[in-house]
Amino acid sequence: MAGKKTINNKSNEKSKLKKYYINNSKKYTADTYARFDLLLESGKGAKLKDIEGKEYIDLGSGIGVNSIGYGNKNYINAAANQLKTLQHTSNLYYTKPYIDLAKKLCTITKYDKVFFCNSGTEANEAAIKCARKYSFNKYADNNKDYKRYKIVTLKNSFHGRTLAALSATGQEIFHNFFFPFLEGFSFAEANNYNDTVEKLKDNACALMIEFIQGEGGVIPLDKEYVQKIKKYCEENDILFIADEVQTGAGRTGKFLCSEHFEIKADITTLAKGLGGGIPIGAMLMNKKCSCVFVNGDHGSTFGANPIAAAAALEVLNIINKDLLKEINKKSKYIKNKLIKLSNVESVDGIGLMLGIGLKEGLNAREIAEKCISKGVIPLTAKNKIRLLPPLTITDKELEKAVSILCECIG
């Protein structure tokens, strides 16, 4: 009996501690997130533990960030050893980690140069600036009526929350309250070639797209549309920018999602899974764009931070060809299991970036809460269940998670 009392006392203490921290979060932090009632404390592999010791299989990986899961020893050592050596210095000087990372990233992707920053939004901001300067350098001359600075994006897109990235986002729900937005952005219908061309004809310097619209509901673009519009951009010297903040770094079973579409963008932006949990963003540039920025054009205090670069370099070592093959196998397994459910209308996406379309009347948030109560953490995107598990999730972990997911969806 004494043992049972001790366990109950410890449980009550942890429950109180959870309540204490959640109350303090509500009291002291901005109310910008609709958080689930979950206080996470540790992780190992694809599993997380909350403050009360309950274990969960993570199918969200911090919205695609924890690409190699939790507790990877090589990753921890890479970051910790760099922290012991040199945690930060100005970009006025060179450090080995960012140089090694730049070389490996350009070698893998066949791009010419990379600019490092801290997030996907920042990478997209850099791409917007690069595209506008490229066009200005080539077409402005002394033309006082120069207007070739417009960026065309797609309706239902999401490119970030800073003002320029938000101006580029093609969803009205994100546009409330923050007027006026930056000029020079317009939105075309996804997969509508004629509409996109019409928008591009109106003084565009670049087209920015997501190959899979993540926040828009995990909706992949049509391959024929992408290839056709890429050709139009090439013929008219309009830069093609690929926002691969969520789809890049192996998420779709290839290092870049563009490989599935058999094209190469002039600029590709990366973040999320590239750092494995430590903030980093990157803008990859082809030869056409690689020398657009010169001293003073752009910068980032923490971009190319040695710890972030060392960690990202280890992520690239882990995301090898064998892992990419496993991602495709796991994707097929998930799709085959879920599409059979009576309450599932569709399973969209590529690799381990999947969106589960639910039958009318079902609520994605409620299903996610039910999953969490049973030890599985999925995400949502609009009224879809969104899956972005760690790329290293084991077959055993995946099987258990999918079984619970199926039970909760019905």
Protein backbone atom coordinates (compact mmCIF):
# COMPACT_ATOMS: atom_id res chain seq x y z
CA MET A 1 0.00 0.00 0.00
CA ALA A 2 2.88 2.36 0.87
CA GLY A 3 4.37 1.79 -2.58
CA LYS A 4 1.07 2.64 -4.25
CA LYS A 5 0.78 5.82 -2.16
CA THR A 6 4.28 6.90 -3.20
CA ILE A 7 3.45 6.40 -6.88
CA ASN A 8 0.21 8.36 -6.50
CA ASN A 9 2.04 11.17 -4.69
CA LYS A 10 4.65 11.40 -7.44
CA SER A 11 1.91 11.40 -10.06
CA ASN A 12 0.09 14.20 -8.25
CA GLU A 13 3.32 16.21 -7.98
CA LYS A 14 3.99 15.88 -11.71
CA SER A 15 0.40 16.79 -12.51
CA LYS A 16 0.75 19.92 -10.38
CA LEU A 17 4.07 20.74 -12.03
CA LYS A 18 2.46 20.41 -15.46
CA LYS A 19 -0.33 22.74 -14.43
CA TYR A 20 2.21 25.22 -13.00
CA TYR A 21 4.18 25.44 -16.25
CA ILE A 22 1.13 25.63 -18.50
CA ASN A 23 -0.34 28.41 -16.36
CA ASN A 24 2.97 30.30 -16.51
CA SER A 25 3.07 29.89 -20.28
CA LYS A 26 -0.39 31.41 -20.54
CA LYS A 27 0.58 34.20 -18.16
CA TYR A 28 3.99 35.17 -19.58
CA THR A 29 4.07 34.27 -23.29
CA ALA A 30 2.17 35.73 -26.24
CA ASP A 31 -0.98 33.78 -27.08
CA THR A 32 0.05 32.99 -30.65
CA TYR A 33 -0.42 29.20 -30.64
CA ALA A 34 -3.43 26.95 -30.09
CA ARG A 35 -1.37 24.56 -28.00
CA PHE A 36 -2.46 21.03 -27.11
CA ASP A 37 -2.55 20.18 -23.39
CA LEU A 38 0.86 18.54 -23.53
CA LEU A 39 4.10 19.43 -21.71
CA LEU A 40 6.93 17.52 -23.39
CA GLU A 41 10.17 16.81 -21.56
CA SER A 42 12.38 14.33 -23.44
CA GLY A 43 12.72 12.25 -26.59
CA LYS A 44 14.47 9.17 -27.97
CA GLY A 45 14.25 7.92 -31.54
CA ALA A 46 10.74 8.77 -32.74
CA LYS A 47 9.31 8.77 -29.22
CA LEU A 48 8.61 11.63 -26.82
CA LYS A 49 7.85 11.69 -23.10
CA ASP A 50 5.78 14.28 -21.30
CA ILE A 51 6.45 15.62 -17.82
CA GLU A 52 4.22 12.91 -16.33
CA GLY A 53 6.27 10.15 -17.98
CA LYS A 54 3.72 9.19 -20.64
CA GLU A 55 5.28 8.09 -23.93
CA TYR A 56 4.17 9.17 -27.41
CA ILE A 57 5.16 8.23 -30.95
CA ASP A 58 5.83 11.48 -32.78
CA LEU A 59 4.27 11.79 -36.23
CA GLY A 60 4.92 15.54 -36.44
CA SER A 61 8.64 15.91 -35.60
CA GLY A 62 8.24 19.55 -34.60
CA ILE A 63 6.50 20.29 -37.95
CA GLY A 64 9.14 18.46 -39.96
CA VAL A 65 12.13 19.82 -38.03
CA ASN A 66 13.36 16.80 -36.04
CA SER A 67 14.12 14.91 -39.23
CA ILE A 68 16.53 12.44 -37.60
CA GLY A 69 14.44 11.94 -34.48
CA TYR A 70 15.61 12.49 -30.92
CA GLY A 71 18.82 11.61 -29.08
CA ASN A 72 21.00 10.70 -32.08
CA LYS A 73 24.49 10.40 -30.54
CA ASN A 74 26.44 11.55 -33.59
CA TYR A 75 24.22 14.60 -33.95
CA ILE A 76 24.52 15.46 -30.25
CA ASN A 77 28.31 15.04 -30.35
CA ALA A 78 28.62 17.23 -33.45
CA ALA A 79 26.70 20.08 -31.82
CA ALA A 80 28.24 19.62 -28.34
CA ASN A 81 31.83 19.45 -29.61
CA GLN A 82 31.31 22.63 -31.59
CA LEU A 83 29.76 24.31 -28.56
CA LYS A 84 32.89 23.45 -26.57
CA THR A 85 35.13 24.84 -29.32
CA LEU A 86 33.43 27.99 -30.68
CA GLN A 87 29.73 28.72 -30.26
CA HIS A 88 29.53 31.86 -32.40
CA THR A 89 31.48 34.51 -34.23
CA SER A 90 30.69 37.25 -36.70
CA ASN A 91 30.25 36.55 -40.40
CA LEU A 92 33.10 38.99 -40.86
CA TYR A 93 35.32 35.93 -40.31
CA TYR A 94 35.52 32.36 -41.62
CA THR A 95 34.74 29.19 -39.66
CA LYS A 96 35.18 25.59 -40.79
CA PRO A 97 31.66 24.24 -40.01
CA TYR A 98 29.71 26.52 -42.37
CA ILE A 99 32.30 26.07 -45.14
CA ASP A 100 32.10 22.27 -44.86
CA LEU A 101 28.30 22.47 -44.78
CA ALA A 102 28.16 24.76 -47.82
CA LYS A 103 30.43 22.44 -49.80
CA LYS A 104 28.44 19.31 -48.92
CA LEU A 105 25.07 20.96 -49.53
CA CYS A 106 26.14 22.29 -52.93
CA THR A 107 27.68 18.92 -53.84
CA ILE A 108 24.48 17.03 -52.97
CA THR A 109 22.12 19.47 -54.71
CA LYS A 110 24.38 20.56 -57.61
CA TYR A 111 23.85 24.24 -56.78
CA ASP A 112 26.64 26.79 -57.07
CA LYS A 113 26.37 28.76 -53.83
CA VAL A 114 24.37 28.98 -50.61
CA PHE A 115 23.38 31.76 -48.24
CA PHE A 116 22.77 30.71 -44.62
CA CYS A 117 20.18 32.21 -42.26
CA ASN A 118 18.04 30.99 -39.35
CA SER A 119 14.63 29.92 -40.66
CA GLY A 120 12.46 29.19 -43.66
CA THR A 121 10.91 32.62 -43.58
CA GLU A 122 14.35 34.22 -43.68
CA ALA A 123 15.41 31.95 -46.54
CA ASN A 124 12.33 33.02 -48.50
CA GLU A 125 13.01 36.69 -47.74
CA ALA A 126 16.54 36.22 -49.09
CA ALA A 127 15.14 34.58 -52.25
CA ILE A 128 12.73 37.49 -52.82
CA LYS A 129 15.57 40.00 -52.46
CA CYS A 130 17.87 37.96 -54.71
CA ALA A 131 15.21 37.71 -57.45
CA ARG A 132 14.48 41.43 -57.34
CA LYS A 133 18.14 42.39 -57.48
CA TYR A 134 18.79 39.94 -60.34
CA SER A 135 16.04 41.57 -62.38
CA PHE A 136 17.08 45.11 -61.41
CA ASN A 137 20.70 44.48 -62.40
CA LYS A 138 19.66 43.14 -65.77
CA TYR A 139 16.69 45.28 -66.79
CA ALA A 140 16.49 48.52 -64.80
CA ASP A 141 19.33 50.58 -66.34
CA ASN A 142 18.20 54.22 -65.96
CA ASN A 143 14.55 53.36 -66.56
CA LYS A 144 12.46 55.49 -64.19
CA ASP A 145 9.37 53.42 -65.01
CA TYR A 146 11.06 50.12 -64.09
CA LYS A 147 8.47 47.71 -62.65
CA ARG A 148 9.92 44.27 -63.31
CA TYR A 149 10.02 43.41 -59.60
CA LYS A 150 6.82 41.42 -59.08
CA ILE A 151 6.87 38.00 -57.42
CA VAL A 152 4.10 35.59 -58.46
CA THR A 153 3.15 32.90 -55.95
CA LEU A 154 0.24 30.47 -55.87
CA LYS A 155 -3.12 30.71 -54.18
CA ASN A 156 -3.24 28.51 -51.08
CA SER A 157 0.52 28.89 -50.60
CA PHE A 158 2.41 29.60 -47.39
CA HIS A 159 5.86 31.20 -47.33
CA GLY A 160 6.27 32.56 -43.79
CA ARG A 161 5.09 35.13 -41.28
CA THR A 162 7.42 38.11 -41.64
CA LEU A 163 5.94 40.91 -43.71
CA ALA A 164 7.51 40.10 -47.09
CA ALA A 165 6.99 36.33 -46.70
CA LEU A 166 3.42 36.98 -45.56
CA SER A 167 2.87 39.26 -48.55
CA ALA A 168 3.96 36.31 -50.70
CA THR A 169 1.55 33.92 -48.97
CA GLY A 170 -1.56 33.19 -51.01
CA GLN A 171 -4.08 32.63 -48.22
CA GLU A 172 -6.40 35.42 -47.05
CA ILE A 173 -6.69 33.88 -43.59
CA PHE A 174 -3.10 34.95 -42.90
CA HIS A 175 -3.67 38.46 -44.28
CA ASN A 176 -6.05 39.81 -41.65
CA PHE A 177 -4.96 42.69 -39.42
CA PHE A 178 -1.49 43.35 -40.89
CA PHE A 179 -2.21 45.86 -43.65
CA PRO A 180 -0.67 47.41 -45.64
CA PHE A 181 1.27 44.56 -47.21
CA LEU A 182 4.31 44.98 -49.41
CA GLU A 183 3.55 45.73 -53.03
CA GLY A 184 4.77 43.60 -55.89
CA PHE A 185 3.11 40.25 -55.16
CA SER A 186 0.31 38.48 -57.03
CA PHE A 187 -1.29 35.05 -56.78
CA ALA A 188 -2.00 32.53 -59.52
CA GLU A 189 -4.24 29.46 -59.46
CA ALA A 190 -2.19 26.35 -58.70
CA ASN A 191 -2.01 23.95 -61.66
CA ASN A 192 -3.56 26.57 -63.96
CA TYR A 193 -0.91 27.27 -66.61
CA ASN A 194 -2.79 30.04 -68.40
CA ASP A 195 -3.59 31.95 -65.23
CA THR A 196 0.00 31.66 -64.05
CA VAL A 197 1.34 32.92 -67.36
CA GLU A 198 -1.04 35.89 -67.28
CA LYS A 199 0.25 36.83 -63.84
CA LEU A 200 3.88 36.37 -64.93
CA LYS A 201 3.38 38.62 -67.95
CA ASP A 202 2.59 41.49 -65.59
CA ASN A 203 6.20 42.57 -64.89
CA ALA A 204 7.21 39.46 -62.91
CA CYS A 205 10.82 38.81 -62.01
CA ALA A 206 10.14 35.47 -60.30
CA LEU A 207 7.69 32.68 -59.62
CA MET A 208 7.81 31.15 -56.13
CA ILE A 209 6.11 27.80 -55.50
CA GLU A 210 5.87 24.92 -53.04
CA PHE A 211 5.85 21.55 -54.81
CA ILE A 212 3.55 20.35 -52.02
CA GLN A 213 1.46 23.04 -50.36
CA GLY A 214 1.99 22.08 -46.74
CA GLU A 215 0.02 24.58 -44.65
CA GLY A 216 -2.48 24.71 -47.50
CA GLY A 217 -3.49 21.10 -46.82
CA VAL A 218 -0.63 18.90 -48.09
CA ILE A 219 -1.54 19.29 -51.75
CA PRO A 220 1.07 18.30 -54.37
CA LEU A 221 1.28 20.29 -57.59
CA ASP A 222 0.70 18.60 -60.95
CA LYS A 223 4.00 17.50 -62.50
CA GLU A 224 3.05 18.54 -66.04
CA TYR A 225 2.06 22.01 -64.82
CA VAL A 226 5.35 22.46 -62.97
CA GLN A 227 7.45 21.39 -65.94
CA LYS A 228 5.48 23.55 -68.37
CA ILE A 229 5.61 26.69 -66.23
CA LYS A 230 9.30 26.12 -65.50
CA LYS A 231 9.95 26.12 -69.25
CA TYR A 232 7.99 29.38 -69.65
CA CYS A 233 10.09 30.96 -66.89
CA GLU A 234 13.31 29.86 -68.57
CA GLU A 235 12.23 31.26 -71.93
CA ASN A 236 11.33 34.63 -70.38
CA ASP A 237 14.21 34.97 -67.91
CA ILE A 238 11.85 34.80 -64.93
CA LEU A 239 13.50 33.18 -61.93
CA PHE A 240 11.92 29.97 -60.64
CA ILE A 241 12.07 29.84 -56.82
CA ALA A 242 11.29 26.56 -55.03
CA ASP A 243 10.21 26.93 -51.41
CA GLU A 244 11.41 23.57 -50.05
CA VAL A 245 11.40 24.66 -46.43
CA GLN A 246 9.14 21.71 -45.58
CA THR A 247 9.70 19.36 -48.55
CA GLY A 248 13.51 19.55 -48.65
CA ALA A 249 16.30 17.64 -46.86
CA GLY A 250 14.91 14.18 -47.67
CA ARG A 251 11.34 14.65 -46.47
CA THR A 252 9.79 13.29 -49.71
CA GLY A 253 12.20 10.40 -50.28
CA LYS A 254 14.56 12.45 -52.44
CA PHE A 255 16.86 15.10 -51.04
CA LEU A 256 14.93 17.81 -52.93
CA CYS A 257 11.28 17.43 -53.85
CA SER A 258 12.09 19.06 -57.21
CA GLU A 259 13.71 15.75 -58.19
CA HIS A 260 10.24 14.14 -58.27
CA PHE A 261 9.19 16.83 -60.77
CA GLU A 262 12.38 16.45 -62.81
CA ILE A 263 13.25 20.14 -62.73
CA LYS A 264 15.85 22.30 -61.01
CA ALA A 265 14.85 25.69 -59.64
CA ASP A 266 17.06 28.74 -60.01
CA ILE A 267 16.75 29.24 -56.25
CA THR A 268 15.75 26.68 -53.62
CA THR A 269 15.06 27.53 -49.99
CA LEU A 270 15.59 25.04 -47.15
CA ALA A 271 15.14 25.06 -43.35
CA LYS A 272 13.19 22.82 -40.93
CA GLY A 273 14.68 19.32 -41.35
CA LEU A 274 18.08 20.62 -42.45
CA GLY A 275 19.06 21.48 -38.86
CA GLY A 276 17.48 18.46 -37.18
CA GLY A 277 16.22 20.67 -34.33
CA ILE A 278 18.75 23.51 -34.29
CA PRO A 279 17.54 26.58 -36.22
CA ILE A 280 19.01 27.03 -39.69
CA GLY A 281 17.82 28.24 -43.08
CA ALA A 282 19.50 28.17 -46.47
CA MET A 283 19.03 29.71 -49.89
CA LEU A 284 20.61 27.67 -52.68
CA MET A 285 21.47 29.53 -55.89
CA ASN A 286 22.36 28.32 -59.38
CA LYS A 287 25.06 29.95 -61.51
CA LYS A 288 22.62 32.58 -62.80
CA CYS A 289 21.91 33.82 -59.26
CA SER A 290 25.09 32.94 -57.37
CA CYS A 291 26.79 36.32 -57.74
CA VAL A 292 23.74 38.58 -57.39
CA PHE A 293 24.43 39.42 -53.76
CA VAL A 294 27.61 41.37 -53.04
CA ASN A 295 29.03 42.80 -49.81
CA GLY A 296 26.32 44.55 -47.81
CA ASP A 297 23.33 43.41 -49.90
CA HIS A 298 22.11 40.94 -47.30
CA GLY A 299 23.18 39.38 -44.03
CA SER A 300 22.27 37.50 -40.90
CA THR A 301 23.87 37.80 -37.45
CA PHE A 302 23.26 34.16 -36.61
CA GLY A 303 23.32 32.76 -40.16
CA ALA A 304 26.11 30.15 -40.59
CA ASN A 305 26.37 29.85 -36.80
CA PRO A 306 29.05 27.20 -36.11
CA ILE A 307 26.82 25.04 -33.88
CA ALA A 308 23.93 25.05 -36.35
CA ALA A 309 26.29 24.34 -39.25
CA ALA A 310 28.02 21.44 -37.44
CA ALA A 311 24.63 19.93 -36.54
CA ALA A 312 23.28 20.33 -40.09
CA LEU A 313 26.41 18.71 -41.51
CA GLU A 314 25.71 15.63 -39.37
CA VAL A 315 22.07 15.64 -40.55
CA LEU A 316 23.35 15.47 -44.14
CA ASN A 317 25.57 12.52 -43.20
CA ILE A 318 22.55 10.67 -41.79
CA ILE A 319 20.18 11.41 -44.71
CA ASN A 320 21.90 9.05 -47.16
CA LYS A 321 20.63 7.01 -50.12
CA ASP A 322 19.63 4.05 -47.96
CA LEU A 323 17.52 6.24 -45.68
CA LEU A 324 15.82 7.87 -48.68
CA LYS A 325 14.82 4.43 -49.98
CA GLU A 326 13.36 3.56 -46.57
CA ILE A 327 11.32 6.78 -46.61
CA ASN A 328 9.58 5.69 -49.82
CA LYS A 329 8.81 2.24 -48.37
CA LYS A 330 7.37 3.76 -45.21
CA SER A 331 5.28 6.16 -47.26
CA LYS A 332 3.69 3.28 -49.20
CA TYR A 333 2.95 1.45 -45.96
CA ILE A 334 1.15 4.44 -44.45
CA LYS A 335 -0.85 5.15 -47.61
CA ASN A 336 -1.92 1.52 -48.05
CA LYS A 337 -3.16 1.29 -44.46
CA LEU A 338 -4.98 4.62 -44.29
CA ILE A 339 -6.69 4.67 -47.67
CA LYS A 340 -8.70 1.58 -46.67
CA LEU A 341 -10.40 3.38 -43.78
CA SER A 342 -14.08 4.22 -44.26
CA ASN A 343 -13.59 7.73 -42.84
CA VAL A 344 -10.68 8.59 -45.14
CA GLU A 345 -11.35 10.22 -48.50
CA SER A 346 -7.76 10.68 -49.66
CA VAL A 347 -4.11 10.39 -48.66
CA ASP A 348 -2.12 13.11 -50.40
CA GLY A 349 1.57 13.93 -50.42
CA ILE A 350 4.92 12.35 -51.19
CA GLY A 351 7.33 10.40 -48.98
CA LEU A 352 6.85 11.21 -45.31
CA MET A 353 4.91 14.41 -45.95
CA LEU A 354 1.33 13.18 -46.03
CA GLY A 355 -2.13 14.67 -45.57
CA ILE A 356 -5.15 12.53 -44.69
CA GLY A 357 -8.39 13.88 -46.15
CA LEU A 358 -11.31 13.10 -43.84
CA LYS A 359 -14.95 12.40 -44.64
CA GLU A 360 -17.32 15.34 -44.17
CA GLY A 361 -18.34 15.89 -40.56
CA LEU A 362 -15.06 14.76 -39.05
CA ASN A 363 -12.83 17.27 -37.28
CA ALA A 364 -9.05 16.96 -37.68
CA ARG A 365 -8.26 18.74 -34.40
CA GLU A 366 -10.53 16.42 -32.45
CA ILE A 367 -8.97 13.35 -34.05
CA ALA A 368 -5.49 14.68 -33.26
CA GLU A 369 -6.51 15.15 -29.60
CA LYS A 370 -7.82 11.59 -29.53
CA CYS A 371 -4.54 10.30 -31.00
CA ILE A 372 -2.55 12.19 -28.37
CA SER A 373 -4.64 10.66 -25.59
CA LYS A 374 -3.65 7.24 -26.96
CA GLY A 375 0.06 8.02 -27.32
CA VAL A 376 0.49 9.28 -30.91
CA ILE A 377 1.17 12.89 -31.92
CA PRO A 378 0.02 13.87 -35.44
CA LEU A 379 -0.37 17.35 -36.93
CA THR A 380 -3.22 19.04 -38.75
CA ALA A 381 -3.38 21.17 -41.91
CA LYS A 382 -6.76 22.81 -42.46
CA ASN A 383 -9.14 19.88 -41.90
CA LYS A 384 -6.60 17.20 -42.74
CA ILE A 385 -4.47 15.08 -40.47
CA ARG A 386 -0.89 15.89 -41.43
CA LEU A 387 1.97 13.43 -40.95
CA LEU A 388 5.62 14.52 -40.84
CA PRO A 389 7.29 11.80 -38.74
CA PRO A 390 11.05 11.67 -38.20
CA LEU A 391 12.66 10.24 -41.32
CA THR A 392 14.41 7.69 -39.08
CA ILE A 393 11.21 6.30 -37.51
CA THR A 394 11.54 2.51 -37.17
CA ASP A 395 9.14 0.05 -38.75
CA LYS A 396 8.00 -1.04 -35.28
CA GLU A 397 7.30 2.54 -34.19
CA LEU A 398 5.50 3.27 -37.44
CA GLU A 399 3.32 0.16 -37.29
CA LYS A 400 2.17 0.97 -33.75
CA ALA A 401 1.54 4.63 -34.61
CA VAL A 402 -0.45 3.82 -37.74
CA SER A 403 -2.50 1.24 -35.85
CA ILE A 404 -3.51 3.88 -33.26
CA LEU A 405 -4.10 6.43 -36.00
CA CYS A 406 -6.42 4.02 -37.82
CA GLU A 407 -8.28 3.30 -34.58
CA CYS A 408 -8.82 7.02 -33.92
CA ILE A 409 -9.91 7.89 -37.46
CA GLY A 410 -12.15 4.83 -37.85
